[in-house]
């Protein structure tokens, strides 16, 4: 018998989709892992664009610093950056809840 809490901990603490693999739902685990990797990659790419910002030529000193801060401020308020993080958290929470629910359902079916 597979304890449901182990499936939830695997998906919550180790990696989203690990609980599905523990429950022997390999396709669902692979799909959740792929979704998390895609969302995480997109989020990090958008974030890297903000922090490794290259200033236009000719800007230096205080003017360059002010322009860089203005662009970073606008970029950090980018809705796509925020939505990718929201979706990442939603998939992570779904993976935890689904892993526990499936493991509990299978455990009660065996009784």
C-alpha atoms as a PDB file:
ATOM      1  CA  UNK A   1       0.000   0.000   0.000  1.00  0.00           C
ATOM      2  CA  UNK A   2       1.289   3.444  -0.945  1.00  0.00           C
ATOM      3  CA  UNK A   3       0.631   6.125   1.692  1.00  0.00           C
ATOM      4  CA  UNK A   4      -1.039   9.208   0.151  1.00  0.00           C
ATOM      5  CA  UNK A   5       1.076  11.590   2.208  1.00  0.00           C
ATOM      6  CA  UNK A   6       4.258  10.280   0.542  1.00  0.00           C
ATOM      7  CA  UNK A   7       2.836  11.056  -2.894  1.00  0.00           C
ATOM      8  CA  UNK A   8       1.935  14.574  -1.783  1.00  0.00           C
ATOM      9  CA  UNK A   9       5.329  15.197  -0.228  1.00  0.00           C
ATOM     10  CA  UNK A  10       7.102  13.977  -3.338  1.00  0.00           C
ATOM     11  CA  UNK A  11       5.121  16.351  -5.548  1.00  0.00           C
ATOM     12  CA  UNK A  12       5.249  19.209  -3.061  1.00  0.00           C
ATOM     13  CA  UNK A  13       8.806  19.091  -1.815  1.00  0.00           C
ATOM     14  CA  UNK A  14      10.817  17.134  -4.358  1.00  0.00           C
ATOM     15  CA  UNK A  15       9.394  18.011  -7.781  1.00  0.00           C
ATOM     16  CA  UNK A  16       5.922  18.399  -9.303  1.00  0.00           C
ATOM     17  CA  UNK A  17       5.091  15.140 -11.023  1.00  0.00           C
ATOM     18  CA  UNK A  18       7.176  12.979  -8.676  1.00  0.00           C
ATOM     19  CA  UNK A  19       4.039  11.981  -6.778  1.00  0.00           C
ATOM     20  CA  UNK A  20       2.406  10.918 -10.033  1.00  0.00           C
ATOM     21  CA  UNK A  21       5.409   8.726 -10.844  1.00  0.00           C
ATOM     22  CA  UNK A  22       5.143   7.291  -7.308  1.00  0.00           C
ATOM     23  CA  UNK A  23       1.480   6.492  -8.039  1.00  0.00           C
ATOM     24  CA  UNK A  24       2.584   4.829 -11.286  1.00  0.00           C
ATOM     25  CA  UNK A  25       0.910   7.475 -13.442  1.00  0.00           C
ATOM     26  CA  UNK A  26       3.913   7.937 -15.698  1.00  0.00           C
ATOM     27  CA  UNK A  27       2.236   9.894 -18.502  1.00  0.00           C
ATOM     28  CA  UNK A  28       0.635  12.359 -16.111  1.00  0.00           C
ATOM     29  CA  UNK A  29       3.917  12.734 -14.219  1.00  0.00           C
ATOM     30  CA  UNK A  30       5.784  13.396 -17.458  1.00  0.00           C
ATOM     31  CA  UNK A  31       3.166  15.932 -18.591  1.00  0.00           C
ATOM     32  CA  UNK A  32       3.301  17.798 -15.271  1.00  0.00           C
ATOM     33  CA  UNK A  33       7.108  17.753 -15.296  1.00  0.00           C
ATOM     34  CA  UNK A  34       7.182  19.082 -18.868  1.00  0.00           C
ATOM     35  CA  UNK A  35       4.694  21.833 -18.007  1.00  0.00           C
ATOM     36  CA  UNK A  36       6.710  22.889 -14.961  1.00  0.00           C
ATOM     37  CA  UNK A  37       9.958  22.899 -16.917  1.00  0.00           C
ATOM     38  CA  UNK A  38       8.404  24.972 -19.702  1.00  0.00           C
ATOM     39  CA  UNK A  39       6.863  27.488 -17.304  1.00  0.00           C
ATOM     40  CA  UNK A  40      10.009  27.698 -15.202  1.00  0.00           C
ATOM     41  CA  UNK A  41      12.154  28.186 -18.300  1.00  0.00           C
ATOM     42  CA  UNK A  42       9.869  30.915 -19.623  1.00  0.00           C
ATOM     43  CA  UNK A  43       9.777  32.679 -16.247  1.00  0.00           C
ATOM     44  CA  UNK A  44      13.573  32.580 -15.889  1.00  0.00           C
ATOM     45  CA  UNK A  45      14.059  33.766 -19.476  1.00  0.00           C
ATOM     46  CA  UNK A  46      11.795  36.786 -18.894  1.00  0.00           C
ATOM     47  CA  UNK A  47      13.538  37.503 -15.603  1.00  0.00           C
ATOM     48  CA  UNK A  48      16.990  37.257 -17.189  1.00  0.00           C
ATOM     49  CA  UNK A  49      15.949  39.780 -19.833  1.00  0.00           C
ATOM     50  CA  UNK A  50      15.246  42.223 -17.015  1.00  0.00           C
ATOM     51  CA  UNK A  51      18.388  41.751 -14.964  1.00  0.00           C
ATOM     52  CA  UNK A  52      20.870  41.445 -17.805  1.00  0.00           C
ATOM     53  CA  UNK A  53      19.553  44.545 -19.477  1.00  0.00           C
ATOM     54  CA  UNK A  54      21.924  46.190 -21.951  1.00  0.00           C
ATOM     55  CA  UNK A  55      21.632  49.953 -22.034  1.00  0.00           C
ATOM     56  CA  UNK A  56      21.404  51.808 -25.306  1.00  0.00           C
ATOM     57  CA  UNK A  57      24.747  53.237 -26.455  1.00  0.00           C
ATOM     58  CA  UNK A  58      25.551  56.726 -25.254  1.00  0.00           C
ATOM     59  CA  UNK A  59      23.958  56.363 -21.830  1.00  0.00           C
ATOM     60  CA  UNK A  60      26.349  56.355 -18.926  1.00  0.00           C
ATOM     61  CA  UNK A  61      26.644  57.741 -15.449  1.00  0.00           C
ATOM     62  CA  UNK A  62      23.528  58.884 -13.646  1.00  0.00           C
ATOM     63  CA  UNK A  63      21.432  59.118 -16.829  1.00  0.00           C
ATOM     64  CA  UNK A  64      22.235  55.532 -17.714  1.00  0.00           C
ATOM     65  CA  UNK A  65      21.495  54.309 -14.212  1.00  0.00           C
ATOM     66  CA  UNK A  66      18.149  56.149 -14.110  1.00  0.00           C
ATOM     67  CA  UNK A  67      17.158  54.787 -17.526  1.00  0.00           C
ATOM     68  CA  UNK A  68      18.119  51.235 -16.487  1.00  0.00           C
ATOM     69  CA  UNK A  69      16.037  51.497 -13.305  1.00  0.00           C
ATOM     70  CA  UNK A  70      13.073  52.846 -15.266  1.00  0.00           C
ATOM     71  CA  UNK A  71      13.236  49.975 -17.755  1.00  0.00           C
ATOM     72  CA  UNK A  72      13.674  47.391 -14.977  1.00  0.00           C
ATOM     73  CA  UNK A  73      10.698  48.816 -13.078  1.00  0.00           C
ATOM     74  CA  UNK A  74       8.495  48.583 -16.165  1.00  0.00           C
ATOM     75  CA  UNK A  75       9.768  45.093 -16.965  1.00  0.00           C
ATOM     76  CA  UNK A  76       9.152  43.789 -13.440  1.00  0.00           C
ATOM     77  CA  UNK A  77       5.541  44.849 -13.824  1.00  0.00           C
ATOM     78  CA  UNK A  78       5.260  42.776 -16.989  1.00  0.00           C
ATOM     79  CA  UNK A  79       2.020  40.752 -16.799  1.00  0.00           C
ATOM     80  CA  UNK A  80       3.535  37.812 -18.715  1.00  0.00           C
ATOM     81  CA  UNK A  81       6.230  37.482 -16.060  1.00  0.00           C
ATOM     82  CA  UNK A  82       3.606  37.400 -13.348  1.00  0.00           C
ATOM     83  CA  UNK A  83       1.245  35.019 -15.160  1.00  0.00           C
ATOM     84  CA  UNK A  84       4.014  32.526 -15.853  1.00  0.00           C
ATOM     85  CA  UNK A  85       4.768  32.456 -12.124  1.00  0.00           C
ATOM     86  CA  UNK A  86       1.063  32.106 -11.232  1.00  0.00           C
ATOM     87  CA  UNK A  87       0.677  29.200 -13.657  1.00  0.00           C
ATOM     88  CA  UNK A  88       3.819  27.561 -12.305  1.00  0.00           C
ATOM     89  CA  UNK A  89       2.447  27.692  -8.756  1.00  0.00           C
ATOM     90  CA  UNK A  90      -0.968  26.453  -9.944  1.00  0.00           C
ATOM     91  CA  UNK A  91       0.547  23.418 -11.683  1.00  0.00           C
ATOM     92  CA  UNK A  92       2.683  22.696  -8.603  1.00  0.00           C
ATOM     93  CA  UNK A  93      -0.346  22.809  -6.276  1.00  0.00           C
ATOM     94  CA  UNK A  94      -2.398  20.706  -8.710  1.00  0.00           C
ATOM     95  CA  UNK A  95       0.362  18.084  -8.766  1.00  0.00           C
ATOM     96  CA  UNK A  96       0.372  17.856  -4.970  1.00  0.00           C
ATOM     97  CA  UNK A  97      -3.403  17.629  -4.623  1.00  0.00           C
ATOM     98  CA  UNK A  98      -3.751  15.147  -7.483  1.00  0.00           C
ATOM     99  CA  UNK A  99      -0.998  12.891  -6.141  1.00  0.00           C
ATOM    100  CA  UNK A 100      -2.599  12.710  -2.689  1.00  0.00           C
ATOM    101  CA  UNK A 101      -6.113  12.285  -4.065  1.00  0.00           C
ATOM    102  CA  UNK A 102      -5.164   9.455  -6.441  1.00  0.00           C
ATOM    103  CA  UNK A 103      -3.089   7.649  -3.803  1.00  0.00           C
ATOM    104  CA  UNK A 104      -5.929   7.935  -1.260  1.00  0.00           C
ATOM    105  CA  UNK A 105      -8.492   6.717  -3.779  1.00  0.00           C
ATOM    106  CA  UNK A 106      -6.343   3.723  -4.661  1.00  0.00           C
ATOM    107  CA  UNK A 107      -5.690   2.934  -0.987  1.00  0.00           C
ATOM    108  CA  UNK A 108      -9.420   3.002  -0.176  1.00  0.00           C
ATOM    109  CA  UNK A 109     -10.207   0.839  -3.213  1.00  0.00           C
ATOM    110  CA  UNK A 110      -7.842  -1.851  -1.933  1.00  0.00           C
ATOM    111  CA  UNK A 111      -9.558  -2.094   1.447  1.00  0.00           C
END
